[in-house]
Amino acid sequence: MLERPEVPLHTNDSERDIRDHVKKQKISGGTRSELGRQCRDTFSSLKKTCRKLGISFWDYLTDRISCSDHIPLLPHFVEQRIAAST
């Protein structure tokens, strides 16, 4: 805690991250295949990461699919945040 004061003392953020997934799973009963689960988890993770970085998920997804590369890759944004916080 003293060495990494930026790390929260609680796990509320982590629990909030999976809340949408849990609600959707309760409603739909989950996916029918392992591939479906992997796709759902991947897109959910991308959506949450975009939200945390203040990037429109739809714009990011459209940019990746169209290969226009107007929006940098998400690891670039994460690296910028880390550099800015140190």
N, C-alpha and C. Protein backbone atom coordinates (compact mmCIF):
# COMPACT_ATOMS: atom_id res chain seq x y z
N MET A 1 0.83 -1.18 0.00
CA MET A 1 0.00 0.00 0.00
C MET A 1 0.87 1.24 0.00
N LEU A 2 1.91 1.28 0.79
CA LEU A 2 2.77 2.46 0.85
C LEU A 2 3.61 2.60 -0.40
N GLU A 3 3.96 1.47 -1.00
CA GLU A 3 4.77 1.52 -2.22
C GLU A 3 3.93 1.84 -3.46
N ARG A 4 2.64 1.51 -3.45
CA ARG A 4 1.76 1.73 -4.61
C ARG A 4 0.47 2.42 -4.16
N PRO A 5 0.54 3.70 -3.79
CA PRO A 5 -0.66 4.38 -3.28
C PRO A 5 -1.76 4.55 -4.32
N GLU A 6 -1.45 4.38 -5.62
CA GLU A 6 -2.48 4.52 -6.65
C GLU A 6 -3.42 3.32 -6.71
N VAL A 7 -3.03 2.20 -6.09
CA VAL A 7 -3.86 1.00 -6.09
C VAL A 7 -4.92 1.15 -5.00
N PRO A 8 -6.20 1.00 -5.35
CA PRO A 8 -7.26 1.17 -4.36
C PRO A 8 -7.23 0.08 -3.29
N LEU A 9 -7.75 0.40 -2.14
CA LEU A 9 -7.77 -0.54 -1.03
C LEU A 9 -8.95 -1.50 -1.11
N HIS A 10 -9.83 -1.32 -2.05
CA HIS A 10 -11.01 -2.18 -2.18
C HIS A 10 -11.08 -2.73 -3.59
N THR A 11 -11.98 -3.67 -3.81
CA THR A 11 -12.12 -4.31 -5.13
C THR A 11 -13.42 -3.89 -5.82
N ASN A 12 -14.00 -2.79 -5.41
CA ASN A 12 -15.27 -2.38 -6.00
C ASN A 12 -15.17 -2.19 -7.51
N ASP A 13 -14.05 -1.63 -8.01
CA ASP A 13 -13.90 -1.43 -9.45
C ASP A 13 -13.90 -2.77 -10.19
N SER A 14 -13.22 -3.76 -9.64
CA SER A 14 -13.19 -5.08 -10.27
C SER A 14 -14.58 -5.71 -10.28
N GLU A 15 -15.30 -5.55 -9.20
CA GLU A 15 -16.64 -6.10 -9.13
C GLU A 15 -17.58 -5.39 -10.09
N ARG A 16 -17.42 -4.09 -10.26
CA ARG A 16 -18.23 -3.34 -11.22
C ARG A 16 -17.94 -3.79 -12.64
N ASP A 17 -16.69 -4.16 -12.92
CA ASP A 17 -16.30 -4.58 -14.26
C ASP A 17 -17.05 -5.82 -14.71
N ILE A 18 -17.35 -6.73 -13.80
CA ILE A 18 -18.01 -7.97 -14.20
C ILE A 18 -19.52 -7.93 -14.01
N ARG A 19 -20.04 -6.84 -13.45
CA ARG A 19 -21.48 -6.76 -13.17
C ARG A 19 -22.32 -6.91 -14.44
N ASP A 20 -21.94 -6.23 -15.53
CA ASP A 20 -22.70 -6.34 -16.79
C ASP A 20 -22.73 -7.78 -17.29
N HIS A 21 -21.60 -8.42 -17.20
CA HIS A 21 -21.51 -9.81 -17.65
C HIS A 21 -22.43 -10.72 -16.84
N VAL A 22 -22.43 -10.54 -15.53
CA VAL A 22 -23.26 -11.38 -14.67
C VAL A 22 -24.74 -11.15 -14.94
N LYS A 23 -25.14 -9.88 -15.12
CA LYS A 23 -26.55 -9.59 -15.44
C LYS A 23 -26.95 -10.23 -16.76
N LYS A 24 -26.12 -10.09 -17.76
CA LYS A 24 -26.44 -10.65 -19.08
C LYS A 24 -26.51 -12.18 -19.00
N GLN A 25 -25.62 -12.79 -18.25
CA GLN A 25 -25.62 -14.24 -18.12
C GLN A 25 -26.89 -14.73 -17.42
N LYS A 26 -27.35 -14.00 -16.41
CA LYS A 26 -28.57 -14.39 -15.72
C LYS A 26 -29.77 -14.31 -16.65
N ILE A 27 -29.80 -13.31 -17.52
CA ILE A 27 -30.92 -13.13 -18.42
C ILE A 27 -30.90 -14.15 -19.55
N SER A 28 -29.73 -14.31 -20.19
CA SER A 28 -29.67 -15.16 -21.38
C SER A 28 -29.28 -16.60 -21.09
N GLY A 29 -28.77 -16.87 -19.91
CA GLY A 29 -28.37 -18.24 -19.59
C GLY A 29 -26.98 -18.59 -20.11
N GLY A 30 -26.22 -17.61 -20.55
CA GLY A 30 -24.86 -17.87 -21.01
C GLY A 30 -24.80 -18.11 -22.51
N THR A 31 -23.65 -18.62 -22.95
CA THR A 31 -23.43 -18.85 -24.38
C THR A 31 -23.60 -20.34 -24.67
N ARG A 32 -23.70 -20.67 -25.94
CA ARG A 32 -23.90 -22.06 -26.34
C ARG A 32 -22.60 -22.80 -26.60
N SER A 33 -21.51 -22.06 -26.80
CA SER A 33 -20.25 -22.71 -27.11
C SER A 33 -19.09 -22.00 -26.42
N GLU A 34 -17.95 -22.66 -26.42
CA GLU A 34 -16.73 -22.08 -25.87
C GLU A 34 -16.30 -20.87 -26.71
N LEU A 35 -16.43 -20.97 -28.02
CA LEU A 35 -16.09 -19.85 -28.89
C LEU A 35 -16.98 -18.65 -28.61
N GLY A 36 -18.26 -18.90 -28.37
CA GLY A 36 -19.18 -17.82 -28.03
C GLY A 36 -18.80 -17.15 -26.73
N ARG A 37 -18.38 -17.94 -25.75
CA ARG A 37 -17.94 -17.37 -24.47
C ARG A 37 -16.69 -16.53 -24.65
N GLN A 38 -15.75 -17.02 -25.44
CA GLN A 38 -14.51 -16.27 -25.69
C GLN A 38 -14.80 -14.95 -26.40
N CYS A 39 -15.69 -14.98 -27.39
CA CYS A 39 -16.06 -13.75 -28.11
C CYS A 39 -16.73 -12.76 -27.17
N ARG A 40 -17.68 -13.24 -26.38
CA ARG A 40 -18.36 -12.36 -25.43
C ARG A 40 -17.39 -11.75 -24.45
N ASP A 41 -16.50 -12.55 -23.91
CA ASP A 41 -15.54 -12.05 -22.93
C ASP A 41 -14.58 -11.04 -23.56
N THR A 42 -14.14 -11.30 -24.78
CA THR A 42 -13.22 -10.39 -25.46
C THR A 42 -13.87 -9.04 -25.72
N PHE A 43 -15.08 -9.05 -26.27
CA PHE A 43 -15.76 -7.79 -26.57
C PHE A 43 -16.13 -7.04 -25.29
N SER A 44 -16.50 -7.77 -24.26
CA SER A 44 -16.81 -7.13 -22.98
C SER A 44 -15.58 -6.45 -22.40
N SER A 45 -14.44 -7.12 -22.48
CA SER A 45 -13.19 -6.55 -21.99
C SER A 45 -12.79 -5.31 -22.78
N LEU A 46 -12.92 -5.39 -24.10
CA LEU A 46 -12.61 -4.22 -24.94
C LEU A 46 -13.52 -3.04 -24.59
N LYS A 47 -14.80 -3.32 -24.42
CA LYS A 47 -15.76 -2.27 -24.09
C LYS A 47 -15.42 -1.60 -22.77
N LYS A 48 -15.11 -2.40 -21.76
CA LYS A 48 -14.77 -1.85 -20.44
C LYS A 48 -13.48 -1.03 -20.51
N THR A 49 -12.49 -1.53 -21.24
CA THR A 49 -11.22 -0.81 -21.36
C THR A 49 -11.42 0.51 -22.07
N CYS A 50 -12.19 0.50 -23.15
CA CYS A 50 -12.48 1.75 -23.86
C CYS A 50 -13.19 2.75 -22.94
N ARG A 51 -14.15 2.27 -22.19
CA ARG A 51 -14.89 3.13 -21.27
C ARG A 51 -13.96 3.76 -20.24
N LYS A 52 -13.07 2.96 -19.67
CA LYS A 52 -12.14 3.47 -18.66
C LYS A 52 -11.17 4.49 -19.24
N LEU A 53 -10.82 4.33 -20.53
CA LEU A 53 -9.88 5.24 -21.17
C LEU A 53 -10.56 6.43 -21.81
N GLY A 54 -11.90 6.47 -21.77
CA GLY A 54 -12.64 7.58 -22.34
C GLY A 54 -12.71 7.54 -23.86
N ILE A 55 -12.67 6.34 -24.43
CA ILE A 55 -12.72 6.15 -25.88
C ILE A 55 -14.06 5.54 -26.23
N SER A 56 -14.66 6.00 -27.31
CA SER A 56 -15.91 5.41 -27.77
C SER A 56 -15.63 3.99 -28.27
N PHE A 57 -16.30 3.01 -27.66
CA PHE A 57 -16.11 1.61 -28.07
C PHE A 57 -16.51 1.42 -29.52
N TRP A 58 -17.62 2.00 -29.91
CA TRP A 58 -18.09 1.87 -31.28
C TRP A 58 -17.09 2.46 -32.27
N ASP A 59 -16.56 3.65 -31.96
CA ASP A 59 -15.57 4.28 -32.84
C ASP A 59 -14.30 3.43 -32.91
N TYR A 60 -13.87 2.90 -31.76
CA TYR A 60 -12.68 2.07 -31.74
C TYR A 60 -12.88 0.81 -32.57
N LEU A 61 -14.02 0.15 -32.39
CA LEU A 61 -14.32 -1.07 -33.13
C LEU A 61 -14.40 -0.80 -34.63
N THR A 62 -15.08 0.27 -35.00
CA THR A 62 -15.19 0.64 -36.41
C THR A 62 -13.81 0.92 -37.01
N ASP A 63 -12.96 1.60 -36.24
CA ASP A 63 -11.61 1.92 -36.70
C ASP A 63 -10.79 0.64 -36.92
N ARG A 64 -10.91 -0.32 -36.01
CA ARG A 64 -10.16 -1.58 -36.14
C ARG A 64 -10.66 -2.38 -37.35
N ILE A 65 -11.99 -2.47 -37.52
CA ILE A 65 -12.55 -3.26 -38.61
C ILE A 65 -12.23 -2.65 -39.97
N SER A 66 -12.30 -1.32 -40.06
CA SER A 66 -12.04 -0.65 -41.33
C SER A 66 -10.55 -0.52 -41.64
N CYS A 67 -9.70 -0.85 -40.67
CA CYS A 67 -8.24 -0.74 -40.83
C CYS A 67 -7.78 0.68 -41.13
N SER A 68 -8.54 1.67 -40.69
CA SER A 68 -8.16 3.06 -40.95
C SER A 68 -7.09 3.56 -39.98
N ASP A 69 -6.98 2.94 -38.82
CA ASP A 69 -5.94 3.25 -37.83
C ASP A 69 -5.88 4.72 -37.43
N HIS A 70 -7.05 5.37 -37.35
CA HIS A 70 -7.10 6.74 -36.85
C HIS A 70 -6.98 6.77 -35.33
N ILE A 71 -7.44 5.71 -34.69
CA ILE A 71 -7.39 5.60 -33.23
C ILE A 71 -6.26 4.63 -32.90
N PRO A 72 -5.31 5.05 -32.05
CA PRO A 72 -4.21 4.15 -31.67
C PRO A 72 -4.73 2.89 -30.95
N LEU A 73 -3.91 1.87 -30.91
CA LEU A 73 -4.26 0.65 -30.20
C LEU A 73 -4.40 0.93 -28.71
N LEU A 74 -5.23 0.16 -28.03
CA LEU A 74 -5.48 0.38 -26.61
C LEU A 74 -4.22 0.32 -25.74
N PRO A 75 -3.26 -0.58 -26.01
CA PRO A 75 -2.05 -0.57 -25.19
C PRO A 75 -1.32 0.77 -25.21
N HIS A 76 -1.41 1.50 -26.32
CA HIS A 76 -0.79 2.83 -26.42
C HIS A 76 -1.43 3.78 -25.40
N PHE A 77 -2.75 3.75 -25.30
CA PHE A 77 -3.45 4.61 -24.34
C PHE A 77 -3.09 4.23 -22.90
N VAL A 78 -2.99 2.92 -22.65
CA VAL A 78 -2.65 2.46 -21.31
C VAL A 78 -1.23 2.92 -20.94
N GLU A 79 -0.29 2.78 -21.87
CA GLU A 79 1.08 3.22 -21.63
C GLU A 79 1.13 4.72 -21.36
N GLN A 80 0.34 5.51 -22.08
CA GLN A 80 0.28 6.95 -21.86
C GLN A 80 -0.22 7.25 -20.44
N ARG A 81 -1.26 6.54 -20.01
CA ARG A 81 -1.81 6.75 -18.66
C ARG A 81 -0.77 6.41 -17.60
N ILE A 82 -0.06 5.33 -17.79
CA ILE A 82 0.95 4.92 -16.82
C ILE A 82 2.07 5.97 -16.76
N ALA A 83 2.52 6.42 -17.92
CA ALA A 83 3.58 7.43 -17.98
C ALA A 83 3.13 8.74 -17.33
N ALA A 84 1.88 9.09 -17.53
CA ALA A 84 1.36 10.35 -16.96
C ALA A 84 1.21 10.27 -15.45
N SER A 85 0.98 9.07 -14.93
CA SER A 85 0.76 8.94 -13.48
C SER A 85 2.06 8.84 -12.70
N THR A 86 3.19 8.64 -13.39
CA THR A 86 4.46 8.54 -12.66
C THR A 86 5.23 9.82 -12.67
